[in-house]
PDB file of N, CA and C in Angstrom:
ATOM      1  N   MET A   1      49.797 118.987 117.533  1.00  0.00           N
ATOM      2  CA  MET A   1      50.804 119.926 117.095  1.00  0.00           C
ATOM      3  C   MET A   1      52.147 119.683 117.808  1.00  0.00           C
ATOM      4  N   LEU A   2      52.091 119.491 119.115  1.00  0.00           N
ATOM      5  CA  LEU A   2      53.308 119.249 119.888  1.00  0.00           C
ATOM      6  C   LEU A   2      53.952 117.923 119.482  1.00  0.00           C
ATOM      7  N   ARG A   3      53.132 116.906 119.207  1.00  0.00           N
ATOM      8  CA  ARG A   3      53.627 115.595 118.797  1.00  0.00           C
ATOM      9  C   ARG A   3      54.365 115.714 117.455  1.00  0.00           C
ATOM     10  N   GLU A   4      53.836 116.475 116.532  1.00  0.00           N
ATOM     11  CA  GLU A   4      54.476 116.670 115.226  1.00  0.00           C
ATOM     12  C   GLU A   4      55.809 117.404 115.378  1.00  0.00           C
ATOM     13  N   TYR A   5      55.884 118.356 116.270  1.00  0.00           N
ATOM     14  CA  TYR A   5      57.117 119.086 116.533  1.00  0.00           C
ATOM     15  C   TYR A   5      58.217 118.128 116.978  1.00  0.00           C
ATOM     16  N   TRP A   6      57.929 117.275 117.956  1.00  0.00           N
ATOM     17  CA  TRP A   6      58.923 116.336 118.469  1.00  0.00           C
ATOM     18  C   TRP A   6      59.278 115.261 117.446  1.00  0.00           C
ATOM     19  N   LEU A   7      58.307 114.855 116.657  1.00  0.00           N
ATOM     20  CA  LEU A   7      58.564 113.873 115.614  1.00  0.00           C
ATOM     21  C   LEU A   7      59.536 114.444 114.578  1.00  0.00           C
ATOM     22  N   ASN A   8      59.361 115.697 114.206  1.00  0.00           N
ATOM     23  CA  ASN A   8      60.284 116.357 113.271  1.00  0.00           C
ATOM     24  C   ASN A   8      61.687 116.474 113.866  1.00  0.00           C
ATOM     25  N   ARG A   9      61.770 116.831 115.124  1.00  0.00           N
ATOM     26  CA  ARG A   9      63.069 116.959 115.788  1.00  0.00           C
ATOM     27  C   ARG A   9      63.785 115.607 115.859  1.00  0.00           C
ATOM     28  N   MET A  10      63.035 114.552 116.166  1.00  0.00           N
ATOM     29  CA  MET A  10      63.635 113.217 116.245  1.00  0.00           C
ATOM     30  C   MET A  10      64.113 112.756 114.867  1.00  0.00           C
ATOM     31  N   ALA A  11      63.335 113.040 113.833  1.00  0.00           N
ATOM     32  CA  ALA A  11      63.737 112.664 112.469  1.00  0.00           C
ATOM     33  C   ALA A  11      65.008 113.414 112.072  1.00  0.00           C
ATOM     34  N   LEU A  12      65.089 114.690 112.404  1.00  0.00           N
ATOM     35  CA  LEU A  12      66.286 115.475 112.102  1.00  0.00           C
ATOM     36  C   LEU A  12      67.497 114.934 112.855  1.00  0.00           C
ATOM     37  N   ALA A  13      67.325 114.611 114.131  1.00  0.00           N
ATOM     38  CA  ALA A  13      68.426 114.063 114.933  1.00  0.00           C
ATOM     39  C   ALA A  13      68.890 112.721 114.375  1.00  0.00           C
ATOM     40  N   CYS A  14      67.974 111.864 113.989  1.00  0.00           N
ATOM     41  CA  CYS A  14      68.338 110.558 113.408  1.00  0.00           C
ATOM     42  C   CYS A  14      69.080 110.738 112.089  1.00  0.00           C
ATOM     43  N   GLY A  15      68.629 111.664 111.261  1.00  0.00           N
ATOM     44  CA  GLY A  15      69.291 111.921 109.986  1.00  0.00           C
ATOM     45  C   GLY A  15      70.716 112.418 110.180  1.00  0.00           C
ATOM     46  N   LEU A  16      70.909 113.353 111.100  1.00  0.00           N
ATOM     47  CA  LEU A  16      72.244 113.871 111.378  1.00  0.00           C
ATOM     48  C   LEU A  16      73.150 112.791 111.972  1.00  0.00           C
ATOM     49  N   THR A  17      72.624 111.983 112.871  1.00  0.00           N
ATOM     50  CA  THR A  17      73.409 110.898 113.457  1.00  0.00           C
ATOM     51  C   THR A  17      73.836 109.908 112.382  1.00  0.00           C
ATOM     52  N   GLY A  18      72.928 109.566 111.489  1.00  0.00           N
ATOM     53  CA  GLY A  18      73.246 108.646 110.396  1.00  0.00           C
ATOM     54  C   GLY A  18      74.307 109.206 109.469  1.00  0.00           C
ATOM     55  N   ALA A  19      74.202 110.486 109.134  1.00  0.00           N
ATOM     56  CA  ALA A  19      75.191 111.121 108.258  1.00  0.00           C
ATOM     57  C   ALA A  19      76.563 111.146 108.911  1.00  0.00           C
ATOM     58  N   LEU A  20      76.620 111.462 110.188  1.00  0.00           N
ATOM     59  CA  LEU A  20      77.898 111.463 110.908  1.00  0.00           C
ATOM     60  C   LEU A  20      78.481 110.055 110.998  1.00  0.00           C
ATOM     61  N   ALA A  21      77.645 109.058 111.216  1.00  0.00           N
ATOM     62  CA  ALA A  21      78.128 107.672 111.277  1.00  0.00           C
ATOM     63  C   ALA A  21      78.705 107.252 109.930  1.00  0.00           C
ATOM     64  N   LEU A  22      78.039 107.602 108.827  1.00  0.00           N
ATOM     65  CA  LEU A  22      78.562 107.279 107.495  1.00  0.00           C
ATOM     66  C   LEU A  22      79.906 107.954 107.247  1.00  0.00           C
ATOM     67  N   LEU A  23      80.028 109.210 107.640  1.00  0.00           N
ATOM     68  CA  LEU A  23      81.285 109.922 107.476  1.00  0.00           C
ATOM     69  C   LEU A  23      82.397 109.244 108.276  1.00  0.00           C
ATOM     70  N   TYR A  24      82.111 108.897 109.517  1.00  0.00           N
ATOM     71  CA  TYR A  24      83.094 108.231 110.375  1.00  0.00           C
ATOM     72  C   TYR A  24      83.544 106.910 109.766  1.00  0.00           C
ATOM     73  N   PHE A  25      82.605 106.075 109.352  1.00  0.00           N
ATOM     74  CA  PHE A  25      82.968 104.767 108.801  1.00  0.00           C
ATOM     75  C   PHE A  25      83.690 104.887 107.471  1.00  0.00           C
ATOM     76  N   SER A  26      83.365 105.899 106.678  1.00  0.00           N
ATOM     77  CA  SER A  26      84.095 106.068 105.416  1.00  0.00           C
ATOM     78  C   SER A  26      85.537 106.495 105.676  1.00  0.00           C
ATOM     79  N   LEU A  27      85.767 107.245 106.727  1.00  0.00           N
ATOM     80  CA  LEU A  27      87.128 107.662 107.055  1.00  0.00           C
ATOM     81  C   LEU A  27      87.966 106.516 107.619  1.00  0.00           C
ATOM     82  N   ILE A  28      87.374 105.677 108.454  1.00  0.00           N
ATOM     83  CA  ILE A  28      88.167 104.610 109.053  1.00  0.00           C
ATOM     84  C   ILE A  28      88.339 103.419 108.120  1.00  0.00           C
ATOM     85  N   THR A  29      87.506 103.292 107.091  1.00  0.00           N
ATOM     86  CA  THR A  29      87.632 102.162 106.169  1.00  0.00           C
ATOM     87  C   THR A  29      88.290 102.559 104.861  1.00  0.00           C
ATOM     88  N   ALA A  30      88.650 103.813 104.712  1.00  0.00           N
ATOM     89  CA  ALA A  30      89.305 104.253 103.483  1.00  0.00           C
ATOM     90  C   ALA A  30      90.679 103.593 103.382  1.00  0.00           C
ATOM     91  N   PRO A  31      91.029 103.105 102.185  1.00  0.00           N
ATOM     92  CA  PRO A  31      92.341 102.472 102.047  1.00  0.00           C
ATOM     93  C   PRO A  31      93.472 103.483 102.204  1.00  0.00           C
ATOM     94  N   VAL A  32      94.570 103.021 102.780  1.00  0.00           N
ATOM     95  CA  VAL A  32      95.754 103.852 102.990  1.00  0.00           C
ATOM     96  C   VAL A  32      96.661 103.692 101.773  1.00  0.00           C
ATOM     97  N   GLU A  33      97.137 104.794 101.207  1.00  0.00           N
ATOM     98  CA  GLU A  33      98.042 104.709 100.073  1.00  0.00           C
ATOM     99  C   GLU A  33      99.456 104.452 100.573  1.00  0.00           C
ATOM    100  N   VAL A  34     100.046 103.350 100.104  1.00  0.00           N
ATOM    101  CA  VAL A  34     101.390 102.960 100.534  1.00  0.00           C
ATOM    102  C   VAL A  34     102.198 102.514  99.325  1.00  0.00           C
ATOM    103  N   SER A  35     103.506 102.485  99.506  1.00  0.00           N
ATOM    104  CA  SER A  35     104.364 101.867  98.500  1.00  0.00           C
ATOM    105  C   SER A  35     104.395 100.370  98.808  1.00  0.00           C
ATOM    106  N   ILE A  36     104.794  99.583  97.852  1.00  0.00           N
ATOM    107  CA  ILE A  36     104.862  98.142  98.079  1.00  0.00           C
ATOM    108  C   ILE A  36     105.863  97.824  99.189  1.00  0.00           C
ATOM    109  N   ALA A  37     106.972  98.569  99.237  1.00  0.00           N
ATOM    110  CA  ALA A  37     107.959  98.367 100.303  1.00  0.00           C
ATOM    111  C   ALA A  37     107.356  98.656 101.680  1.00  0.00           C
ATOM    112  N   GLY A  38     106.315  99.491 101.730  1.00  0.00           N
ATOM    113  CA  GLY A  38     105.664  99.831 102.994  1.00  0.00           C
ATOM    114  C   GLY A  38     104.704  98.765 103.488  1.00  0.00           C
ATOM    115  N   ILE A  39     104.490  97.727 102.678  1.00  0.00           N
ATOM    116  CA  ILE A  39     103.605  96.637 103.088  1.00  0.00           C
ATOM    117  C   ILE A  39     104.429  95.644 103.907  1.00  0.00           C
ATOM    118  N   ASP A  40     104.046  95.487 105.172  1.00  0.00           N
ATOM    119  CA  ASP A  40     104.737  94.563 106.067  1.00  0.00           C
ATOM    120  C   ASP A  40     103.721  93.961 107.023  1.00  0.00           C
ATOM    121  N   SER A  41     104.193  93.263 108.029  1.00  0.00           N
ATOM    122  CA  SER A  41     103.267  92.620 108.964  1.00  0.00           C
ATOM    123  C   SER A  41     102.386  93.638 109.684  1.00  0.00           C
ATOM    124  N   GLY A  42     102.825  94.888 109.763  1.00  0.00           N
ATOM    125  CA  GLY A  42     102.022  95.936 110.388  1.00  0.00           C
ATOM    126  C   GLY A  42     100.821  96.341 109.557  1.00  0.00           C
ATOM    127  N   THR A  43     100.876  96.099 108.254  1.00  0.00           N
ATOM    128  CA  THR A  43      99.741  96.430 107.390  1.00  0.00           C
ATOM    129  C   THR A  43      98.864  95.219 107.110  1.00  0.00           C
ATOM    130  N   GLU A  44      99.233  94.063 107.643  1.00  0.00           N
ATOM    131  CA  GLU A  44      98.439  92.855 107.436  1.00  0.00           C
ATOM    132  C   GLU A  44      97.017  93.071 107.943  1.00  0.00           C
ATOM    133  N   GLY A  45      96.048  92.740 107.102  1.00  0.00           N
ATOM    134  CA  GLY A  45      94.643  92.913 107.456  1.00  0.00           C
ATOM    135  C   GLY A  45      94.078  94.274 107.092  1.00  0.00           C
ATOM    136  N   GLN A  46      94.919  95.197 106.657  1.00  0.00           N
ATOM    137  CA  GLN A  46      94.461  96.547 106.312  1.00  0.00           C
ATOM    138  C   GLN A  46      94.157  96.667 104.826  1.00  0.00           C
ATOM    139  N   ARG A  47      93.261  97.617 104.506  1.00  0.00           N
ATOM    140  CA  ARG A  47      92.989  97.967 103.117  1.00  0.00           C
ATOM    141  C   ARG A  47      94.005  99.018 102.694  1.00  0.00           C
ATOM    142  N   VAL A  48      94.637  98.798 101.545  1.00  0.00           N
ATOM    143  CA  VAL A  48      95.662  99.712 101.048  1.00  0.00           C
ATOM    144  C   VAL A  48      95.434  99.985  99.566  1.00  0.00           C
ATOM    145  N   THR A  49      96.059 101.043  99.096  1.00  0.00           N
ATOM    146  CA  THR A  49      96.128 101.356  97.675  1.00  0.00           C
ATOM    147  C   THR A  49      97.595 101.370  97.288  1.00  0.00           C
ATOM    148  N   VAL A  50      97.951 100.631  96.233  1.00  0.00           N
ATOM    149  CA  VAL A  50      99.311 100.623  95.726  1.00  0.00           C
ATOM    150  C   VAL A  50      99.277 100.800  94.209  1.00  0.00           C
ATOM    151  N   GLN A  51     100.373 101.304  93.682  1.00  0.00           N
ATOM    152  CA  GLN A  51     100.512 101.475  92.233  1.00  0.00           C
ATOM    153  C   GLN A  51     101.833 100.863  91.811  1.00  0.00           C
ATOM    154  N   GLY A  52     101.849 100.365  90.584  1.00  0.00           N
ATOM    155  CA  GLY A  52     103.089  99.821  90.083  1.00  0.00           C
ATOM    156  C   GLY A  52     102.936  99.218  88.697  1.00  0.00           C
ATOM    157  N   ARG A  53     104.015  98.603  88.247  1.00  0.00           N
ATOM    158  CA  ARG A  53     104.065  97.969  86.926  1.00  0.00           C
ATOM    159  C   ARG A  53     103.834  96.472  87.082  1.00  0.00           C
ATOM    160  N   VAL A  54     103.066  95.899  86.184  1.00  0.00           N
ATOM    161  CA  VAL A  54     102.831  94.463  86.194  1.00  0.00           C
ATOM    162  C   VAL A  54     104.050  93.776  85.596  1.00  0.00           C
ATOM    163  N   ASP A  55     104.703  92.897  86.380  1.00  0.00           N
ATOM    164  CA  ASP A  55     105.877  92.159  85.907  1.00  0.00           C
ATOM    165  C   ASP A  55     105.509  90.795  85.330  1.00  0.00           C
ATOM    166  N   TRP A  56     104.493  90.182  85.913  1.00  0.00           N
ATOM    167  CA  TRP A  56     104.085  88.838  85.523  1.00  0.00           C
ATOM    168  C   TRP A  56     102.588  88.743  85.729  1.00  0.00           C
ATOM    169  N   GLN A  57     101.881  87.987  84.868  1.00  0.00           N
ATOM    170  CA  GLN A  57     100.426  87.905  84.969  1.00  0.00           C
ATOM    171  C   GLN A  57      99.941  86.580  84.420  1.00  0.00           C
ATOM    172  N   THR A  58      98.928  86.028  85.061  1.00  0.00           N
ATOM    173  CA  THR A  58      98.237  84.847  84.554  1.00  0.00           C
ATOM    174  C   THR A  58      96.783  84.919  84.998  1.00  0.00           C
ATOM    175  N   GLU A  59      95.951  84.125  84.339  1.00  0.00           N
ATOM    176  CA  GLU A  59      94.539  84.057  84.710  1.00  0.00           C
ATOM    177  C   GLU A  59      94.149  82.591  84.826  1.00  0.00           C
ATOM    178  N   LYS A  60      93.479  82.269  85.931  1.00  0.00           N
ATOM    179  CA  LYS A  60      93.013  80.904  86.161  1.00  0.00           C
ATOM    180  C   LYS A  60      91.560  80.951  86.606  1.00  0.00           C
ATOM    181  N   GLU A  61      90.679  80.433  85.778  1.00  0.00           N
ATOM    182  CA  GLU A  61      89.255  80.331  86.108  1.00  0.00           C
ATOM    183  C   GLU A  61      88.663  81.652  86.594  1.00  0.00           C
ATOM    184  N   GLY A  62      88.921  82.720  85.871  1.00  0.00           N
ATOM    185  CA  GLY A  62      88.362  84.022  86.217  1.00  0.00           C
ATOM    186  C   GLY A  62      89.113  84.778  87.291  1.00  0.00           C
ATOM    187  N   THR A  63      90.189  84.207  87.797  1.00  0.00           N
ATOM    188  CA  THR A  63      90.995  84.862  88.830  1.00  0.00           C
ATOM    189  C   THR A  63      92.283  85.383  88.203  1.00  0.00           C
ATOM    190  N   LEU A  64      92.531  86.674  88.355  1.00  0.00           N
ATOM    191  CA  LEU A  64      93.786  87.270  87.891  1.00  0.00           C
ATOM    192  C   LEU A  64      94.830  87.140  88.988  1.00  0.00           C
ATOM    193  N   ILE A  65      96.009  86.702  88.611  1.00  0.00           N
ATOM    194  CA  ILE A  65      97.142  86.623  89.534  1.00  0.00           C
ATOM    195  C   ILE A  65      98.292  87.348  88.847  1.00  0.00           C
ATOM    196  N   PHE A  66      98.849  88.340  89.523  1.00  0.00           N
ATOM    197  CA  PHE A  66      99.948  89.077  88.911  1.00  0.00           C
ATOM    198  C   PHE A  66     100.889  89.624  89.974  1.00  0.00           C
ATOM    199  N   THR A  67     102.081  89.989  89.521  1.00  0.00           N
ATOM    200  CA  THR A  67     103.078  90.594  90.399  1.00  0.00           C
ATOM    201  C   THR A  67     103.146  92.076  90.082  1.00  0.00           C
ATOM    202  N   LEU A  68     103.055  92.892  91.109  1.00  0.00           N
ATOM    203  CA  LEU A  68     103.117  94.343  90.961  1.00  0.00           C
ATOM    204  C   LEU A  68     104.465  94.826  91.485  1.00  0.00           C
ATOM    205  N   ASN A  69     105.108  95.743  90.738  1.00  0.00           N
ATOM    206  CA  ASN A  69     106.459  96.192  91.052  1.00  0.00           C
ATOM    207  C   ASN A  69     106.518  97.712  91.051  1.00  0.00           C
ATOM    208  N   ASP A  70     107.029  98.284  92.146  1.00  0.00           N
ATOM    209  CA  ASP A  70     107.339  99.720  92.196  1.00  0.00           C
ATOM    210  C   ASP A  70     108.759  99.915  92.725  1.00  0.00           C
ATOM    211  N   GLY A  71     109.596  98.921  92.485  1.00  0.00           N
ATOM    212  CA  GLY A  71     110.926  98.854  93.089  1.00  0.00           C
ATOM    213  C   GLY A  71     110.974  97.702  94.068  1.00  0.00           C
ATOM    214  N   SER A  72     109.849  97.421  94.692  1.00  0.00           N
ATOM    215  CA  SER A  72     109.611  96.214  95.487  1.00  0.00           C
ATOM    216  C   SER A  72     108.461  95.486  94.811  1.00  0.00           C
ATOM    217  N   LYS A  73     108.288  94.213  95.150  1.00  0.00           N
ATOM    218  CA  LYS A  73     107.262  93.416  94.479  1.00  0.00           C
ATOM    219  C   LYS A  73     106.280  92.829  95.472  1.00  0.00           C
ATOM    220  N   ILE A  74     105.038  92.632  95.001  1.00  0.00           N
ATOM    221  CA  ILE A  74     104.025  91.937  95.773  1.00  0.00           C
ATOM    222  C   ILE A  74     103.123  91.182  94.814  1.00  0.00           C
ATOM    223  N   LYS A  75     102.664  90.031  95.257  1.00  0.00           N
ATOM    224  CA  LYS A  75     101.735  89.222  94.481  1.00  0.00           C
ATOM    225  C   LYS A  75     100.327  89.745  94.734  1.00  0.00           C
ATOM    226  N   VAL A  76      99.549  89.889  93.652  1.00  0.00           N
ATOM    227  CA  VAL A  76      98.184  90.395  93.737  1.00  0.00           C
ATOM    228  C   VAL A  76      97.240  89.319  93.207  1.00  0.00           C
ATOM    229  N   ILE A  77      96.162  89.080  93.932  1.00  0.00           N
ATOM    230  CA  ILE A  77      95.132  88.129  93.530  1.00  0.00           C
ATOM    231  C   ILE A  77      93.829  88.906  93.367  1.00  0.00           C
ATOM    232  N   LYS A  78      93.186  88.777  92.212  1.00  0.00           N
ATOM    233  CA  LYS A  78      91.881  89.431  91.985  1.00  0.00           C
ATOM    234  C   LYS A  78      90.886  88.355  91.587  1.00  0.00           C
ATOM    235  N   PHE A  79      90.013  87.984  92.527  1.00  0.00           N
ATOM    236  CA  PHE A  79      88.977  86.997  92.275  1.00  0.00           C
ATOM    237  C   PHE A  79      87.846  87.635  91.474  1.00  0.00           C
ATOM    238  N   ASN A  80      87.163  86.853  90.656  1.00  0.00           N
ATOM    239  CA  ASN A  80      86.007  87.320  89.875  1.00  0.00           C
ATOM    240  C   ASN A  80      86.321  88.609  89.134  1.00  0.00           C
ATOM    241  N   SER A  81      87.411  88.644  88.411  1.00  0.00           N
ATOM    242  CA  SER A  81      87.829  89.852  87.717  1.00  0.00           C
ATOM    243  C   SER A  81      86.892  90.172  86.563  1.00  0.00           C
ATOM    244  N   SER A  82      86.695  91.455  86.345  1.00  0.00           N
ATOM    245  CA  SER A  82      85.826  91.920  85.262  1.00  0.00           C
ATOM    246  C   SER A  82      86.586  91.894  83.941  1.00  0.00           C
ATOM    247  N   ALA A  83      85.854  92.028  82.849  1.00  0.00           N
ATOM    248  CA  ALA A  83      86.476  92.059  81.527  1.00  0.00           C
ATOM    249  C   ALA A  83      87.420  93.252  81.412  1.00  0.00           C
ATOM    250  N   GLU A  84      87.028  94.398  82.000  1.00  0.00           N
ATOM    251  CA  GLU A  84      87.880  95.597  81.957  1.00  0.00           C
ATOM    252  C   GLU A  84      89.187  95.355  82.702  1.00  0.00           C
ATOM    253  N   GLU A  85      89.109  94.716  83.865  1.00  0.00           N
ATOM    254  CA  GLU A  85      90.321  94.435  84.643  1.00  0.00           C
ATOM    255  C   GLU A  85      91.240  93.484  83.880  1.00  0.00           C
ATOM    256  N   LYS A  86      90.661  92.503  83.215  1.00  0.00           N
ATOM    257  CA  LYS A  86      91.462  91.562  82.429  1.00  0.00           C
ATOM    258  C   LYS A  86      92.174  92.256  81.276  1.00  0.00           C
ATOM    259  N   GLU A  87      91.545  93.283  80.712  1.00  0.00           N
ATOM    260  CA  GLU A  87      92.145  94.026  79.598  1.00  0.00           C
ATOM    261  C   GLU A  87      93.305  94.912  80.036  1.00  0.00           C
ATOM    262  N   ILE A  88      93.223  95.490  81.232  1.00  0.00           N
ATOM    263  CA  ILE A  88      94.257  96.447  81.643  1.00  0.00           C
ATOM    264  C   ILE A  88      95.438  95.798  82.356  1.00  0.00           C
ATOM    265  N   VAL A  89      95.276  94.553  82.812  1.00  0.00           N
ATOM    266  CA  VAL A  89      96.372  93.884  83.514  1.00  0.00           C
ATOM    267  C   VAL A  89      97.136  93.005  82.526  1.00  0.00           C
ATOM    268  N   PHE A  90      98.264  93.505  82.094  1.00  0.00           N
ATOM    269  CA  PHE A  90      99.161  92.750  81.220  1.00  0.00           C
ATOM    270  C   PHE A  90     100.586  93.176  81.553  1.00  0.00           C
ATOM    271  N   VAL A  91     101.559  92.359  81.189  1.00  0.00           N
ATOM    272  CA  VAL A  91     102.957  92.638  81.498  1.00  0.00           C
ATOM    273  C   VAL A  91     103.336  94.008  80.942  1.00  0.00           C
ATOM    274  N   GLU A  92     103.992  94.806  81.791  1.00  0.00           N
ATOM    275  CA  GLU A  92     104.458  96.166  81.508  1.00  0.00           C
ATOM    276  C   GLU A  92     103.369  97.233  81.645  1.00  0.00           C
ATOM    277  N   SER A  93     102.121  96.866  81.969  1.00  0.00           N
ATOM    278  CA  SER A  93     101.096  97.886  82.197  1.00  0.00           C
ATOM    279  C   SER A  93     101.243  98.452  83.602  1.00  0.00           C
ATOM    280  N   PHE A  94     100.809  99.686  83.788  1.00  0.00           N
ATOM    281  CA  PHE A  94     100.827 100.332  85.094  1.00  0.00           C
ATOM    282  C   PHE A  94      99.411 100.366  85.634  1.00  0.00           C
ATOM    283  N   VAL A  95      99.238  99.835  86.855  1.00  0.00           N
ATOM    284  CA  VAL A  95      97.914  99.753  87.447  1.00  0.00           C
ATOM    285  C   VAL A  95      97.929 100.244  88.888  1.00  0.00           C
ATOM    286  N   SER A  96      96.742 100.596  89.352  1.00  0.00           N
ATOM    287  CA  SER A  96      96.511 100.969  90.737  1.00  0.00           C
ATOM    288  C   SER A  96      95.576  99.921  91.323  1.00  0.00           C
ATOM    289  N   VAL A  97      95.913  99.431  92.512  1.00  0.00           N
ATOM    290  CA  VAL A  97      95.148  98.354  93.138  1.00  0.00           C
ATOM    291  C   VAL A  97      94.700  98.787  94.525  1.00  0.00           C
ATOM    292  N   ILE A  98      93.419  98.577  94.805  1.00  0.00           N
ATOM    293  CA  ILE A  98      92.890  98.725  96.160  1.00  0.00           C
ATOM    294  C   ILE A  98      92.594  97.319  96.641  1.00  0.00           C
ATOM    295  N   GLY A  99      93.124  96.976  97.800  1.00  0.00           N
ATOM    296  CA  GLY A  99      92.897  95.635  98.311  1.00  0.00           C
ATOM    297  C   GLY A  99      93.316  95.484  99.755  1.00  0.00           C
ATOM    298  N   LYS A 100      93.185  94.272 100.232  1.00  0.00           N
ATOM    299  CA  LYS A 100      93.494  93.950 101.625  1.00  0.00           C
ATOM    300  C   LYS A 100      94.763  93.103 101.676  1.00  0.00           C
ATOM    301  N   VAL A 101      95.660  93.470 102.569  1.00  0.00           N
ATOM    302  CA  VAL A 101      96.914  92.739 102.746  1.00  0.00           C
ATOM    303  C   VAL A 101      96.621  91.478 103.566  1.00  0.00           C
ATOM    304  N   GLU A 102      96.971  90.331 102.996  1.00  0.00           N
ATOM    305  CA  GLU A 102      96.756  89.046 103.669  1.00  0.00           C
ATOM    306  C   GLU A 102      98.040  88.222 103.622  1.00  0.00           C
ATOM    307  N   ARG A 103      98.147  87.261 104.514  1.00  0.00           N
ATOM    308  CA  ARG A 103      99.289  86.349 104.534  1.00  0.00           C
ATOM    309  C   ARG A 103      98.816  84.997 104.013  1.00  0.00           C
ATOM    310  N   TYR A 104      99.576  84.434 103.053  1.00  0.00           N
ATOM    311  CA  TYR A 104      99.278  83.125 102.501  1.00  0.00           C
ATOM    312  C   TYR A 104     100.573  82.344 102.380  1.00  0.00           C
ATOM    313  N   ARG A 105     100.619  81.206 103.029  1.00  0.00           N
ATOM    314  CA  ARG A 105     101.819  80.364 103.053  1.00  0.00           C
ATOM    315  C   ARG A 105     103.071  81.149 103.458  1.00  0.00           C
ATOM    316  N   GLY A 106     102.905  82.001 104.450  1.00  0.00           N
ATOM    317  CA  GLY A 106     104.030  82.744 105.005  1.00  0.00           C
ATOM    318  C   GLY A 106     104.393  84.018 104.266  1.00  0.00           C
ATOM    319  N   GLU A 107     103.774  84.270 103.120  1.00  0.00           N
ATOM    320  CA  GLU A 107     104.092  85.456 102.317  1.00  0.00           C
ATOM    321  C   GLU A 107     102.923  86.436 102.331  1.00  0.00           C
ATOM    322  N   LEU A 108     103.249  87.725 102.370  1.00  0.00           N
ATOM    323  CA  LEU A 108     102.209  88.741 102.268  1.00  0.00           C
ATOM    324  C   LEU A 108     101.812  88.907 100.802  1.00  0.00           C
ATOM    325  N   GLU A 109     100.521  89.027 100.571  1.00  0.00           N
ATOM    326  CA  GLU A 109     100.012  89.285  99.236  1.00  0.00           C
ATOM    327  C   GLU A 109      98.813  90.212  99.348  1.00  0.00           C
ATOM    328  N   LEU A 110      98.389  90.731  98.220  1.00  0.00           N
ATOM    329  CA  LEU A 110      97.295  91.687  98.200  1.00  0.00           C
ATOM    330  C   LEU A 110      96.086  91.041  97.532  1.00  0.00           C
ATOM    331  N   ILE A 111      94.979  90.965  98.269  1.00  0.00           N
ATOM    332  CA  ILE A 111      93.729  90.467  97.713  1.00  0.00           C
ATOM    333  C   ILE A 111      92.987  91.690  97.191  1.00  0.00           C
ATOM    334  N   ALA A 112      92.951  91.824  95.871  1.00  0.00           N
ATOM    335  CA  ALA A 112      92.445  93.039  95.241  1.00  0.00           C
ATOM    336  C   ALA A 112      90.924  93.112  95.270  1.00  0.00           C
ATOM    337  N   GLU A 113      90.432  94.302  95.580  1.00  0.00           N
ATOM    338  CA  GLU A 113      89.007  94.607  95.465  1.00  0.00           C
ATOM    339  C   GLU A 113      88.756  95.299  94.120  1.00  0.00           C
ATOM    340  N   GLN A 114      89.732  96.126  93.735  1.00  0.00           N
ATOM    341  CA  GLN A 114      89.570  96.923  92.518  1.00  0.00           C
ATOM    342  C   GLN A 114      90.934  97.110  91.858  1.00  0.00           C
ATOM    343  N   VAL A 115      90.953  96.982  90.545  1.00  0.00           N
ATOM    344  CA  VAL A 115      92.169  97.209  89.755  1.00  0.00           C
ATOM    345  C   VAL A 115      91.815  98.216  88.674  1.00  0.00           C
ATOM    346  N   LYS A 116      92.606  99.298  88.592  1.00  0.00           N
ATOM    347  CA  LYS A 116      92.374 100.333  87.587  1.00  0.00           C
ATOM    348  C   LYS A 116      93.681 100.671  86.897  1.00  0.00           C
ATOM    349  N   ALA A 117      93.565 101.172  85.677  1.00  0.00           N
ATOM    350  CA  ALA A 117      94.756 101.646  84.970  1.00  0.00           C
ATOM    351  C   ALA A 117      95.302 102.854  85.717  1.00  0.00           C
ATOM    352  N   SER A 118      96.610 102.892  85.886  1.00  0.00           N
ATOM    353  CA  SER A 118      97.255 103.987  86.605  1.00  0.00           C
ATOM    354  C   SER A 118      97.584 105.112  85.627  1.00  0.00           C
ATOM    355  N   ASP A 119      97.503 106.325  86.131  1.00  0.00           N
ATOM    356  CA  ASP A 119      97.806 107.500  85.290  1.00  0.00           C
ATOM    357  C   ASP A 119      99.280 107.692  85.095  1.00  0.00           C
TER     358      ASP A 119
END
């Protein structure tokens, strides 16, 4: 009886610890919403969310490459893009992108994880 009591308490403690750890990691890994002008060397390596109009777009071997504009511009790369993403990314469309800011050949660009139509 005593062993079952402690086993239940340990299971409850482990469950609560796991839930708190998930909450903590979801908060620290959540993308930060920024404007394109707010993307600089300080945001390099961070996950961000940006919205804007597609100015230019091309597709090469399943990879979408486009320029996003909200008054400032940034190049966006989406590897292994889905059919839905390919449909919504076209010149003059408004999209929301979640991705990681990376530097390539001296320029900052956004490596997209997710592309959605913007409201």
